[in-house]
Amino acid sequence: MSEATVSDDQLRLFIERIERLDEERKGISEDIRDVYNEAKSQGYDAKIMRQVIRLRKMPTHDRQEMEAVLETYLSALGMQLRLPFDKAA
C-alpha cells in the first residue's frame, strides 16, 4: 500500500511542477506581449519583428537556403525583392 502512496505523491509533485511552469509560461508570454506593444508604440512593426526572431532562431544554412528558394520563386513571378542592403545590380 505504501508503494501506491509514493507513486501518488510523485504524480502529485509532477502535476504541481507542471502547473507552476505553466503559470510561469503565461507570465513570460505576457511579458513578451508587453515588449511587442512597447516596440509598436515606438513605431516598430511587431509582425516583422516576429519574423526576424523566427529567422534568427533558424540555423544559418537553413535560413540561407530558404532565402535562396524565396528569391528564385519571386524572380520566377517577376517580383524581384529589393531590400536597401542588397548589392546594386
PDB file of N, CA and C in Angstrom:
ATOM      1  N   MET A   1       0.818  -1.199   0.000  1.00  0.00           N
ATOM      2  CA  MET A   1       0.000   0.000   0.000  1.00  0.00           C
ATOM      3  C   MET A   1       0.859   1.259   0.000  1.00  0.00           C
ATOM      4  N   SER A   2       2.024   1.209   0.661  1.00  0.00           N
ATOM      5  CA  SER A   2       2.872   2.396   0.722  1.00  0.00           C
ATOM      6  C   SER A   2       3.463   2.717  -0.652  1.00  0.00           C
ATOM      7  N   GLU A   3       3.610   1.687  -1.505  1.00  0.00           N
ATOM      8  CA  GLU A   3       4.113   1.916  -2.850  1.00  0.00           C
ATOM      9  C   GLU A   3       3.148   2.793  -3.634  1.00  0.00           C
ATOM     10  N   ALA A   4       1.862   2.555  -3.494  1.00  0.00           N
ATOM     11  CA  ALA A   4       0.854   3.371  -4.169  1.00  0.00           C
ATOM     12  C   ALA A   4       0.906   4.798  -3.642  1.00  0.00           C
ATOM     13  N   THR A   5       1.124   4.970  -2.351  1.00  0.00           N
ATOM     14  CA  THR A   5       1.200   6.306  -1.762  1.00  0.00           C
ATOM     15  C   THR A   5       2.395   7.066  -2.322  1.00  0.00           C
ATOM     16  N   VAL A   6       3.531   6.392  -2.442  1.00  0.00           N
ATOM     17  CA  VAL A   6       4.723   7.031  -3.010  1.00  0.00           C
ATOM     18  C   VAL A   6       4.447   7.432  -4.452  1.00  0.00           C
ATOM     19  N   SER A   7       3.853   6.561  -5.227  1.00  0.00           N
ATOM     20  CA  SER A   7       3.524   6.867  -6.617  1.00  0.00           C
ATOM     21  C   SER A   7       2.527   8.012  -6.695  1.00  0.00           C
ATOM     22  N   ASP A   8       1.535   8.000  -5.809  1.00  0.00           N
ATOM     23  CA  ASP A   8       0.544   9.073  -5.784  1.00  0.00           C
ATOM     24  C   ASP A   8       1.209  10.404  -5.454  1.00  0.00           C
ATOM     25  N   ASP A   9       2.121  10.399  -4.468  1.00  0.00           N
ATOM     26  CA  ASP A   9       2.826  11.618  -4.098  1.00  0.00           C
ATOM     27  C   ASP A   9       3.707  12.105  -5.247  1.00  0.00           C
ATOM     28  N   GLN A  10       4.378  11.173  -5.901  1.00  0.00           N
ATOM     29  CA  GLN A  10       5.241  11.546  -7.014  1.00  0.00           C
ATOM     30  C   GLN A  10       4.418  12.152  -8.157  1.00  0.00           C
ATOM     31  N   LEU A  11       3.282  11.539  -8.455  1.00  0.00           N
ATOM     32  CA  LEU A  11       2.408  12.055  -9.501  1.00  0.00           C
ATOM     33  C   LEU A  11       1.933  13.459  -9.148  1.00  0.00           C
ATOM     34  N   ARG A  12       1.526  13.664  -7.897  1.00  0.00           N
ATOM     35  CA  ARG A  12       1.059  14.968  -7.440  1.00  0.00           C
ATOM     36  C   ARG A  12       2.163  16.014  -7.609  1.00  0.00           C
ATOM     37  N   LEU A  13       3.399  15.646  -7.262  1.00  0.00           N
ATOM     38  CA  LEU A  13       4.524  16.573  -7.407  1.00  0.00           C
ATOM     39  C   LEU A  13       4.782  16.930  -8.871  1.00  0.00           C
ATOM     40  N   PHE A  14       4.685  15.951  -9.755  1.00  0.00           N
ATOM     41  CA  PHE A  14       4.849  16.235 -11.180  1.00  0.00           C
ATOM     42  C   PHE A  14       3.772  17.203 -11.666  1.00  0.00           C
ATOM     43  N   ILE A  15       2.533  16.924 -11.287  1.00  0.00           N
ATOM     44  CA  ILE A  15       1.412  17.781 -11.703  1.00  0.00           C
ATOM     45  C   ILE A  15       1.610  19.198 -11.180  1.00  0.00           C
ATOM     46  N   GLU A  16       2.002  19.333  -9.931  1.00  0.00           N
ATOM     47  CA  GLU A  16       2.210  20.663  -9.353  1.00  0.00           C
ATOM     48  C   GLU A  16       3.349  21.404 -10.043  1.00  0.00           C
ATOM     49  N   ARG A  17       4.415  20.703 -10.389  1.00  0.00           N
ATOM     50  CA  ARG A  17       5.529  21.331 -11.119  1.00  0.00           C
ATOM     51  C   ARG A  17       5.066  21.827 -12.479  1.00  0.00           C
ATOM     52  N   ILE A  18       4.296  21.004 -13.166  1.00  0.00           N
ATOM     53  CA  ILE A  18       3.785  21.391 -14.481  1.00  0.00           C
ATOM     54  C   ILE A  18       2.888  22.618 -14.338  1.00  0.00           C
ATOM     55  N   GLU A  19       2.032  22.621 -13.321  1.00  0.00           N
ATOM     56  CA  GLU A  19       1.146  23.765 -13.118  1.00  0.00           C
ATOM     57  C   GLU A  19       1.946  25.047 -12.847  1.00  0.00           C
ATOM     58  N   ARG A  20       2.992  24.952 -12.030  1.00  0.00           N
ATOM     59  CA  ARG A  20       3.836  26.131 -11.749  1.00  0.00           C
ATOM     60  C   ARG A  20       4.523  26.620 -13.017  1.00  0.00           C
ATOM     61  N   LEU A  21       5.061  25.681 -13.782  1.00  0.00           N
ATOM     62  CA  LEU A  21       5.733  26.058 -15.031  1.00  0.00           C
ATOM     63  C   LEU A  21       4.759  26.683 -16.027  1.00  0.00           C
ATOM     64  N   ASP A  22       3.546  26.163 -16.053  1.00  0.00           N
ATOM     65  CA  ASP A  22       2.532  26.731 -16.937  1.00  0.00           C
ATOM     66  C   ASP A  22       2.222  28.173 -16.534  1.00  0.00           C
ATOM     67  N   GLU A  23       2.144  28.431 -15.241  1.00  0.00           N
ATOM     68  CA  GLU A  23       1.909  29.801 -14.762  1.00  0.00           C
ATOM     69  C   GLU A  23       3.075  30.710 -15.141  1.00  0.00           C
ATOM     70  N   GLU A  24       4.295  30.200 -15.000  1.00  0.00           N
ATOM     71  CA  GLU A  24       5.469  30.980 -15.394  1.00  0.00           C
ATOM     72  C   GLU A  24       5.438  31.282 -16.884  1.00  0.00           C
ATOM     73  N   ARG A  25       5.042  30.292 -17.671  1.00  0.00           N
ATOM     74  CA  ARG A  25       4.963  30.475 -19.121  1.00  0.00           C
ATOM     75  C   ARG A  25       3.949  31.568 -19.461  1.00  0.00           C
ATOM     76  N   LYS A  26       2.807  31.563 -18.774  1.00  0.00           N
ATOM     77  CA  LYS A  26       1.813  32.601 -19.008  1.00  0.00           C
ATOM     78  C   LYS A  26       2.382  33.973 -18.692  1.00  0.00           C
ATOM     79  N   GLY A  27       3.114  34.058 -17.589  1.00  0.00           N
ATOM     80  CA  GLY A  27       3.724  35.329 -17.207  1.00  0.00           C
ATOM     81  C   GLY A  27       4.736  35.792 -18.237  1.00  0.00           C
ATOM     82  N   ILE A  28       5.549  34.869 -18.721  1.00  0.00           N
ATOM     83  CA  ILE A  28       6.550  35.208 -19.729  1.00  0.00           C
ATOM     84  C   ILE A  28       5.867  35.627 -21.026  1.00  0.00           C
ATOM     85  N   SER A  29       4.802  34.940 -21.408  1.00  0.00           N
ATOM     86  CA  SER A  29       4.062  35.303 -22.620  1.00  0.00           C
ATOM     87  C   SER A  29       3.502  36.719 -22.511  1.00  0.00           C
ATOM     88  N   GLU A  30       3.013  37.065 -21.338  1.00  0.00           N
ATOM     89  CA  GLU A  30       2.504  38.421 -21.122  1.00  0.00           C
ATOM     90  C   GLU A  30       3.634  39.437 -21.205  1.00  0.00           C
ATOM     91  N   ASP A  31       4.798  39.101 -20.652  1.00  0.00           N
ATOM     92  CA  ASP A  31       5.960  39.999 -20.726  1.00  0.00           C
ATOM     93  C   ASP A  31       6.385  40.217 -22.174  1.00  0.00           C
ATOM     94  N   ILE A  32       6.395  39.153 -22.960  1.00  0.00           N
ATOM     95  CA  ILE A  32       6.767  39.259 -24.377  1.00  0.00           C
ATOM     96  C   ILE A  32       5.753  40.133 -25.111  1.00  0.00           C
ATOM     97  N   ARG A  33       4.495  39.924 -24.843  1.00  0.00           N
ATOM     98  CA  ARG A  33       3.445  40.739 -25.463  1.00  0.00           C
ATOM     99  C   ARG A  33       3.644  42.213 -25.110  1.00  0.00           C
ATOM    100  N   ASP A  34       4.006  42.489 -23.860  1.00  0.00           N
ATOM    101  CA  ASP A  34       4.256  43.868 -23.433  1.00  0.00           C
ATOM    102  C   ASP A  34       5.417  44.484 -24.205  1.00  0.00           C
ATOM    103  N   VAL A  35       6.468  43.701 -24.439  1.00  0.00           N
ATOM    104  CA  VAL A  35       7.629  44.212 -25.195  1.00  0.00           C
ATOM    105  C   VAL A  35       7.216  44.524 -26.630  1.00  0.00           C
ATOM    106  N   TYR A  36       6.434  43.648 -27.259  1.00  0.00           N
ATOM    107  CA  TYR A  36       5.946  43.924 -28.609  1.00  0.00           C
ATOM    108  C   TYR A  36       5.104  45.199 -28.631  1.00  0.00           C
ATOM    109  N   ASN A  37       4.242  45.369 -27.639  1.00  0.00           N
ATOM    110  CA  ASN A  37       3.414  46.573 -27.575  1.00  0.00           C
ATOM    111  C   ASN A  37       4.265  47.825 -27.390  1.00  0.00           C
ATOM    112  N   GLU A  38       5.296  47.725 -26.566  1.00  0.00           N
ATOM    113  CA  GLU A  38       6.199  48.851 -26.361  1.00  0.00           C
ATOM    114  C   GLU A  38       6.922  49.195 -27.669  1.00  0.00           C
ATOM    115  N   ALA A  39       7.404  48.176 -28.358  1.00  0.00           N
ATOM    116  CA  ALA A  39       8.083  48.402 -29.639  1.00  0.00           C
ATOM    117  C   ALA A  39       7.126  49.024 -30.649  1.00  0.00           C
ATOM    118  N   LYS A  40       5.887  48.541 -30.650  1.00  0.00           N
ATOM    119  CA  LYS A  40       4.879  49.079 -31.564  1.00  0.00           C
ATOM    120  C   LYS A  40       4.616  50.548 -31.271  1.00  0.00           C
ATOM    121  N   SER A  41       4.573  50.889 -30.000  1.00  0.00           N
ATOM    122  CA  SER A  41       4.335  52.298 -29.631  1.00  0.00           C
ATOM    123  C   SER A  41       5.501  53.192 -30.050  1.00  0.00           C
ATOM    124  N   GLN A  42       6.667  52.588 -30.284  1.00  0.00           N
ATOM    125  CA  GLN A  42       7.843  53.333 -30.739  1.00  0.00           C
ATOM    126  C   GLN A  42       7.935  53.351 -32.270  1.00  0.00           C
ATOM    127  N   GLY A  43       6.946  52.748 -32.933  1.00  0.00           N
ATOM    128  CA  GLY A  43       6.895  52.791 -34.387  1.00  0.00           C
ATOM    129  C   GLY A  43       7.393  51.537 -35.097  1.00  0.00           C
ATOM    130  N   TYR A  44       7.759  50.513 -34.349  1.00  0.00           N
ATOM    131  CA  TYR A  44       8.227  49.271 -34.967  1.00  0.00           C
ATOM    132  C   TYR A  44       7.037  48.379 -35.322  1.00  0.00           C
ATOM    133  N   ASP A  45       7.223  47.544 -36.322  1.00  0.00           N
ATOM    134  CA  ASP A  45       6.196  46.627 -36.778  1.00  0.00           C
ATOM    135  C   ASP A  45       6.385  45.288 -36.077  1.00  0.00           C
ATOM    136  N   ALA A  46       5.462  44.951 -35.174  1.00  0.00           N
ATOM    137  CA  ALA A  46       5.577  43.728 -34.376  1.00  0.00           C
ATOM    138  C   ALA A  46       5.543  42.480 -35.251  1.00  0.00           C
ATOM    139  N   LYS A  47       4.783  42.510 -36.314  1.00  0.00           N
ATOM    140  CA  LYS A  47       4.693  41.360 -37.208  1.00  0.00           C
ATOM    141  C   LYS A  47       6.057  41.073 -37.846  1.00  0.00           C
ATOM    142  N   ILE A  48       6.731  42.116 -38.279  1.00  0.00           N
ATOM    143  CA  ILE A  48       8.055  41.954 -38.877  1.00  0.00           C
ATOM    144  C   ILE A  48       9.060  41.519 -37.808  1.00  0.00           C
ATOM    145  N   MET A  49       8.937  42.059 -36.611  1.00  0.00           N
ATOM    146  CA  MET A  49       9.832  41.659 -35.521  1.00  0.00           C
ATOM    147  C   MET A  49       9.697  40.173 -35.239  1.00  0.00           C
ATOM    148  N   ARG A  50       8.481  39.655 -35.272  1.00  0.00           N
ATOM    149  CA  ARG A  50       8.265  38.221 -35.054  1.00  0.00           C
ATOM    150  C   ARG A  50       8.956  37.403 -36.143  1.00  0.00           C
ATOM    151  N   GLN A  51       8.880  37.892 -37.389  1.00  0.00           N
ATOM    152  CA  GLN A  51       9.548  37.194 -38.488  1.00  0.00           C
ATOM    153  C   GLN A  51      11.059  37.212 -38.300  1.00  0.00           C
ATOM    154  N   VAL A  52      11.600  38.349 -37.871  1.00  0.00           N
ATOM    155  CA  VAL A  52      13.044  38.455 -37.646  1.00  0.00           C
ATOM    156  C   VAL A  52      13.470  37.471 -36.565  1.00  0.00           C
ATOM    157  N   ILE A  53      12.702  37.399 -35.490  1.00  0.00           N
ATOM    158  CA  ILE A  53      13.026  36.474 -34.396  1.00  0.00           C
ATOM    159  C   ILE A  53      12.978  35.032 -34.882  1.00  0.00           C
ATOM    160  N   ARG A  54      11.968  34.713 -35.681  1.00  0.00           N
ATOM    161  CA  ARG A  54      11.860  33.360 -36.230  1.00  0.00           C
ATOM    162  C   ARG A  54      13.081  33.041 -37.101  1.00  0.00           C
ATOM    163  N   LEU A  55      13.493  34.003 -37.931  1.00  0.00           N
ATOM    164  CA  LEU A  55      14.658  33.798 -38.785  1.00  0.00           C
ATOM    165  C   LEU A  55      15.940  33.659 -37.980  1.00  0.00           C
ATOM    166  N   ARG A  56      16.079  34.429 -36.913  1.00  0.00           N
ATOM    167  CA  ARG A  56      17.285  34.360 -36.086  1.00  0.00           C
ATOM    168  C   ARG A  56      17.403  33.024 -35.364  1.00  0.00           C
ATOM    169  N   LYS A  57      16.278  32.365 -35.132  1.00  0.00           N
ATOM    170  CA  LYS A  57      16.292  31.057 -34.476  1.00  0.00           C
ATOM    171  C   LYS A  57      16.754  29.948 -35.424  1.00  0.00           C
ATOM    172  N   MET A  58      16.636  30.213 -36.711  1.00  0.00           N
ATOM    173  CA  MET A  58      16.971  29.193 -37.702  1.00  0.00           C
ATOM    174  C   MET A  58      18.482  29.052 -37.828  1.00  0.00           C
ATOM    175  N   PRO A  59      18.951  27.833 -38.083  1.00  0.00           N
ATOM    176  CA  PRO A  59      20.374  27.667 -38.403  1.00  0.00           C
ATOM    177  C   PRO A  59      20.690  28.466 -39.677  1.00  0.00           C
ATOM    178  N   THR A  60      21.886  29.031 -39.733  1.00  0.00           N
ATOM    179  CA  THR A  60      22.280  29.891 -40.847  1.00  0.00           C
ATOM    180  C   THR A  60      22.071  29.205 -42.196  1.00  0.00           C
ATOM    181  N   HIS A  61      22.494  27.968 -42.299  1.00  0.00           N
ATOM    182  CA  HIS A  61      22.359  27.254 -43.576  1.00  0.00           C
ATOM    183  C   HIS A  61      20.898  27.125 -43.987  1.00  0.00           C
ATOM    184  N   ASP A  62      20.024  26.790 -43.065  1.00  0.00           N
ATOM    185  CA  ASP A  62      18.598  26.654 -43.374  1.00  0.00           C
ATOM    186  C   ASP A  62      18.008  27.983 -43.816  1.00  0.00           C
ATOM    187  N   ARG A  63      18.403  29.056 -43.132  1.00  0.00           N
ATOM    188  CA  ARG A  63      17.887  30.379 -43.465  1.00  0.00           C
ATOM    189  C   ARG A  63      18.356  30.793 -44.857  1.00  0.00           C
ATOM    190  N   GLN A  64      19.635  30.559 -45.163  1.00  0.00           N
ATOM    191  CA  GLN A  64      20.167  30.911 -46.479  1.00  0.00           C
ATOM    192  C   GLN A  64      19.480  30.121 -47.581  1.00  0.00           C
ATOM    193  N   GLU A  65      19.225  28.844 -47.306  1.00  0.00           N
ATOM    194  CA  GLU A  65      18.538  28.002 -48.281  1.00  0.00           C
ATOM    195  C   GLU A  65      17.121  28.517 -48.519  1.00  0.00           C
ATOM    196  N   MET A  66      16.423  28.862 -47.453  1.00  0.00           N
ATOM    197  CA  MET A  66      15.065  29.379 -47.573  1.00  0.00           C
ATOM    198  C   MET A  66      15.060  30.691 -48.358  1.00  0.00           C
ATOM    199  N   GLU A  67      16.015  31.577 -48.067  1.00  0.00           N
ATOM    200  CA  GLU A  67      16.095  32.853 -48.773  1.00  0.00           C
ATOM    201  C   GLU A  67      16.381  32.648 -50.257  1.00  0.00           C
ATOM    202  N   ALA A  68      17.230  31.686 -50.589  1.00  0.00           N
ATOM    203  CA  ALA A  68      17.542  31.398 -51.994  1.00  0.00           C
ATOM    204  C   ALA A  68      16.310  30.894 -52.727  1.00  0.00           C
ATOM    205  N   VAL A  69      15.566  30.012 -52.095  1.00  0.00           N
ATOM    206  CA  VAL A  69      14.348  29.479 -52.723  1.00  0.00           C
ATOM    207  C   VAL A  69      13.324  30.600 -52.878  1.00  0.00           C
ATOM    208  N   LEU A  70      13.173  31.434 -51.858  1.00  0.00           N
ATOM    209  CA  LEU A  70      12.236  32.558 -51.926  1.00  0.00           C
ATOM    210  C   LEU A  70      12.617  33.488 -53.080  1.00  0.00           C
ATOM    211  N   GLU A  71      13.900  33.798 -53.186  1.00  0.00           N
ATOM    212  CA  GLU A  71      14.374  34.667 -54.259  1.00  0.00           C
ATOM    213  C   GLU A  71      14.086  34.040 -55.628  1.00  0.00           C
ATOM    214  N   THR A  72      14.291  32.737 -55.750  1.00  0.00           N
ATOM    215  CA  THR A  72      14.012  32.034 -57.006  1.00  0.00           C
ATOM    216  C   THR A  72      12.530  32.125 -57.359  1.00  0.00           C
ATOM    217  N   TYR A  73      11.666  31.879 -56.388  1.00  0.00           N
ATOM    218  CA  TYR A  73      10.219  31.926 -56.627  1.00  0.00           C
ATOM    219  C   TYR A  73       9.784  33.337 -57.013  1.00  0.00           C
ATOM    220  N   LEU A  74      10.264  34.338 -56.284  1.00  0.00           N
ATOM    221  CA  LEU A  74       9.886  35.717 -56.585  1.00  0.00           C
ATOM    222  C   LEU A  74      10.355  36.113 -57.979  1.00  0.00           C
ATOM    223  N   SER A  75      11.565  35.721 -58.313  1.00  0.00           N
ATOM    224  CA  SER A  75      12.110  36.022 -59.635  1.00  0.00           C
ATOM    225  C   SER A  75      11.263  35.374 -60.719  1.00  0.00           C
ATOM    226  N   ALA A  76      10.858  34.131 -60.514  1.00  0.00           N
ATOM    227  CA  ALA A  76      10.032  33.423 -61.492  1.00  0.00           C
ATOM    228  C   ALA A  76       8.690  34.115 -61.703  1.00  0.00           C
ATOM    229  N   LEU A  77       8.226  34.812 -60.675  1.00  0.00           N
ATOM    230  CA  LEU A  77       6.947  35.521 -60.761  1.00  0.00           C
ATOM    231  C   LEU A  77       7.125  36.991 -61.144  1.00  0.00           C
ATOM    232  N   GLY A  78       8.362  37.386 -61.440  1.00  0.00           N
ATOM    233  CA  GLY A  78       8.625  38.772 -61.804  1.00  0.00           C
ATOM    234  C   GLY A  78       8.504  39.728 -60.632  1.00  0.00           C
ATOM    235  N   MET A  79       8.717  39.218 -59.442  1.00  0.00           N
ATOM    236  CA  MET A  79       8.587  40.022 -58.217  1.00  0.00           C
ATOM    237  C   MET A  79       9.948  40.118 -57.543  1.00  0.00           C
ATOM    238  N   GLN A  80      10.859  40.844 -58.153  1.00  0.00           N
ATOM    239  CA  GLN A  80      12.202  40.948 -57.594  1.00  0.00           C
ATOM    240  C   GLN A  80      12.149  41.633 -56.236  1.00  0.00           C
ATOM    241  N   LEU A  81      12.716  40.992 -55.244  1.00  0.00           N
ATOM    242  CA  LEU A  81      12.769  41.537 -53.890  1.00  0.00           C
ATOM    243  C   LEU A  81      13.980  42.447 -53.791  1.00  0.00           C
ATOM    244  N   ARG A  82      13.752  43.707 -53.499  1.00  0.00           N
ATOM    245  CA  ARG A  82      14.847  44.666 -53.382  1.00  0.00           C
ATOM    246  C   ARG A  82      14.830  45.247 -51.981  1.00  0.00           C
ATOM    247  N   LEU A  83      15.849  44.918 -51.232  1.00  0.00           N
ATOM    248  CA  LEU A  83      15.999  45.460 -49.887  1.00  0.00           C
ATOM    249  C   LEU A  83      17.123  46.473 -49.908  1.00  0.00           C
ATOM    250  N   PRO A  84      17.114  47.462 -49.016  1.00  0.00           N
ATOM    251  CA  PRO A  84      18.132  48.511 -49.016  1.00  0.00           C
ATOM    252  C   PRO A  84      19.553  47.981 -48.899  1.00  0.00           C
ATOM    253  N   PHE A  85      19.729  46.839 -48.274  1.00  0.00           N
ATOM    254  CA  PHE A  85      21.075  46.302 -48.079  1.00  0.00           C
ATOM    255  C   PHE A  85      21.498  45.351 -49.193  1.00  0.00           C
ATOM    256  N   ASP A  86      20.631  45.160 -50.212  1.00  0.00           N
ATOM    257  CA  ASP A  86      21.008  44.316 -51.347  1.00  0.00           C
ATOM    258  C   ASP A  86      22.117  45.010 -52.136  1.00  0.00           C
ATOM    259  N   LYS A  87      22.965  44.206 -52.751  1.00  0.00           N
ATOM    260  CA  LYS A  87      24.008  44.760 -53.606  1.00  0.00           C
ATOM    261  C   LYS A  87      23.366  45.340 -54.858  1.00  0.00           C
ATOM    262  N   ALA A  88      23.916  46.424 -55.332  1.00  0.00           N
ATOM    263  CA  ALA A  88      23.408  47.035 -56.559  1.00  0.00           C
ATOM    264  C   ALA A  88      23.707  46.109 -57.727  1.00  0.00           C
ATOM    265  N   ALA A  89      22.752  46.006 -58.648  1.00  0.00           N
ATOM    266  CA  ALA A  89      22.909  45.101 -59.795  1.00  0.00           C
ATOM    267  C   ALA A  89      23.695  45.764 -60.898  1.00  0.00           C
TER     268      ALA A  89
END
